[in-house]
Amino acid sequence: MTNSAQVDQLHRRAVVWLDHLTAKIFTMGLTGVSASVVHAQLSSSHLHHHANTIGSGHVKDDPAFLTAIAKSVAACDEVLIVGPGNEKTALMHHLQSARPKILLQLESSDHPTDEEIVAIGRRHFGLAAPRV
């Protein structure tokens, strides 16, 4: 087994923090944490709502965004999805339809630091922090 295959076998859990623009993905296992980021490709990153206009004022979804996140956690059996807003529910539904046997949980979270996201994941999955 190659070194990268060994890492894939051990990093079977992930915590994903996302909003409508960015997903921060931290895969976790006995050997540590690997981080990656996926960005939505939106025509505008700002929410605009003008008086007397039709529409919700929400940024339109990027259909490739959830697919790219799903590819980042393809080797994982368990995923904790955290973040503000409705994007976490959309990701949960996307992952459930693509991989019905994956174990998914949601947790609301504002805008934690990367270290705080990793700590949320470690606590959720019962993984100890590596000794220094």
Protein backbone atom coordinates (compact mmCIF):
# COMPACT_ATOMS: atom_id res chain seq x y z
CA MET A 1 0.00 0.00 0.00
CA THR A 2 1.38 3.39 -0.96
CA ASN A 3 1.75 6.22 1.53
CA SER A 4 -1.16 8.20 0.01
CA ALA A 5 -3.35 5.09 0.07
CA GLN A 6 -2.53 4.64 3.77
CA VAL A 7 -3.55 8.25 4.46
CA ASP A 8 -6.80 7.71 2.53
CA GLN A 9 -7.56 4.67 4.67
CA LEU A 10 -6.99 6.63 7.88
CA HIS A 11 -8.71 9.92 6.92
CA ARG A 12 -12.25 8.55 6.75
CA ARG A 13 -13.93 11.46 8.58
CA ALA A 14 -14.33 15.09 7.58
CA VAL A 15 -15.65 18.32 8.99
CA VAL A 16 -16.86 20.78 6.35
CA TRP A 17 -17.55 24.42 7.17
CA LEU A 18 -19.34 26.26 4.39
CA ASP A 19 -21.23 29.37 3.44
CA HIS A 20 -22.47 30.43 -0.01
CA LEU A 21 -18.94 31.34 -1.18
CA THR A 22 -16.45 28.96 0.42
CA ALA A 23 -16.15 25.46 1.82
CA LYS A 24 -13.30 24.60 4.18
CA ILE A 25 -12.78 20.84 4.30
CA PHE A 26 -10.73 19.11 6.98
CA THR A 27 -10.35 15.35 6.57
CA MET A 28 -9.32 13.68 9.82
CA GLY A 29 -7.86 10.46 11.00
CA LEU A 30 -5.34 8.86 13.29
CA THR A 31 -2.44 10.47 11.43
CA GLY A 32 -3.66 14.05 11.60
CA VAL A 33 -5.68 16.50 9.53
CA SER A 34 -5.59 17.46 5.85
CA ALA A 35 -7.13 20.76 4.76
CA SER A 36 -8.56 21.92 1.46
CA VAL A 37 -10.76 24.79 0.27
CA VAL A 38 -13.42 24.90 -2.46
CA HIS A 39 -14.70 28.23 -3.79
CA ALA A 40 -18.06 28.79 -5.47
CA GLN A 41 -17.87 30.29 -8.94
CA LEU A 42 -20.55 32.94 -8.64
CA SER A 43 -21.24 35.90 -10.89
CA SER A 44 -21.47 38.07 -7.76
CA SER A 45 -20.42 37.39 -4.19
CA HIS A 46 -22.68 40.06 -2.72
CA LEU A 47 -26.33 39.86 -1.84
CA HIS A 48 -28.30 42.69 -3.45
CA HIS A 49 -31.94 43.45 -2.90
CA HIS A 50 -33.34 46.57 -4.45
CA ALA A 51 -36.73 48.05 -3.66
CA ASN A 52 -39.48 47.29 -6.17
CA THR A 53 -37.54 44.46 -7.85
CA ILE A 54 -38.50 40.85 -8.36
CA GLY A 55 -36.41 38.21 -6.63
CA SER A 56 -35.27 37.18 -3.19
CA GLY A 57 -32.05 39.18 -3.12
CA HIS A 58 -30.06 35.97 -2.71
CA VAL A 59 -26.97 35.04 -4.71
CA LYS A 60 -27.79 32.27 -7.20
CA ASP A 61 -26.34 28.87 -6.35
CA ASP A 62 -23.30 27.50 -8.14
CA PRO A 63 -24.32 23.95 -9.15
CA ALA A 64 -20.69 22.79 -9.36
CA PHE A 65 -19.94 23.97 -5.80
CA LEU A 66 -21.66 21.07 -4.00
CA THR A 67 -20.24 18.57 -6.49
CA ALA A 68 -16.69 19.83 -5.86
CA ILE A 69 -17.20 19.55 -2.10
CA ALA A 70 -18.56 16.01 -2.53
CA LYS A 71 -15.41 15.05 -4.47
CA SER A 72 -13.27 16.39 -1.61
CA VAL A 73 -14.97 14.06 0.88
CA ALA A 74 -15.37 11.08 -1.47
CA ALA A 75 -13.12 8.82 0.66
CA CYS A 76 -14.94 9.69 3.90
CA ASP A 77 -17.53 7.54 5.66
CA GLU A 78 -18.59 10.25 8.14
CA VAL A 79 -19.00 13.97 7.51
CA LEU A 80 -19.89 16.73 9.96
CA ILE A 81 -21.25 19.78 8.11
CA VAL A 82 -21.06 23.10 9.96
CA GLY A 83 -21.70 26.70 9.06
CA PRO A 84 -24.26 29.48 8.94
CA GLY A 85 -27.30 29.58 6.71
CA ASN A 86 -28.95 27.01 4.46
CA GLU A 87 -25.92 25.82 2.52
CA LYS A 88 -25.19 23.05 5.01
CA THR A 89 -28.66 21.56 4.44
CA ALA A 90 -28.20 21.75 0.66
CA LEU A 91 -24.84 19.94 1.00
CA MET A 92 -26.40 17.29 3.24
CA HIS A 93 -29.13 16.58 0.66
CA HIS A 94 -26.56 16.50 -2.16
CA LEU A 95 -24.33 14.01 -0.29
CA GLN A 96 -27.30 11.86 0.76
CA SER A 97 -28.47 11.51 -2.83
CA ALA A 98 -24.98 10.80 -4.15
CA ARG A 99 -23.93 8.45 -1.32
CA PRO A 100 -26.90 7.07 0.64
CA LYS A 101 -24.72 5.12 3.11
CA ILE A 102 -22.61 8.09 4.23
CA LEU A 103 -23.10 9.17 7.87
CA LEU A 104 -23.94 12.90 7.96
CA GLN A 105 -24.60 15.34 10.77
CA LEU A 106 -25.24 19.08 10.82
CA GLU A 107 -24.17 21.68 13.35
CA SER A 108 -24.77 25.43 13.20
CA SER A 109 -21.69 27.59 13.47
CA ASP A 110 -20.90 31.21 12.75
CA HIS A 111 -17.42 31.93 11.34
CA PRO A 112 -14.88 30.00 13.43
CA THR A 113 -11.15 29.96 12.73
CA ASP A 114 -9.63 26.94 11.00
CA GLU A 115 -8.29 25.75 14.37
CA GLU A 116 -11.77 26.01 15.88
CA ILE A 117 -13.27 24.03 12.97
CA VAL A 118 -10.69 21.27 13.50
CA ALA A 119 -11.45 21.28 17.26
CA ILE A 120 -15.19 20.92 16.52
CA GLY A 121 -14.40 17.95 14.29
CA ARG A 122 -12.04 16.31 16.79
CA ARG A 123 -14.61 16.68 19.56
CA HIS A 124 -17.43 15.35 17.36
CA PHE A 125 -15.47 12.32 16.14
CA GLY A 126 -13.73 11.64 19.48
CA LEU A 127 -10.26 12.16 18.04
CA ALA A 128 -7.48 13.35 20.31
CA ALA A 129 -5.24 16.19 19.24
CA PRO A 130 -1.75 15.01 18.23
CA ARG A 131 0.91 15.27 20.89
CA VAL A 132 3.61 17.83 20.31
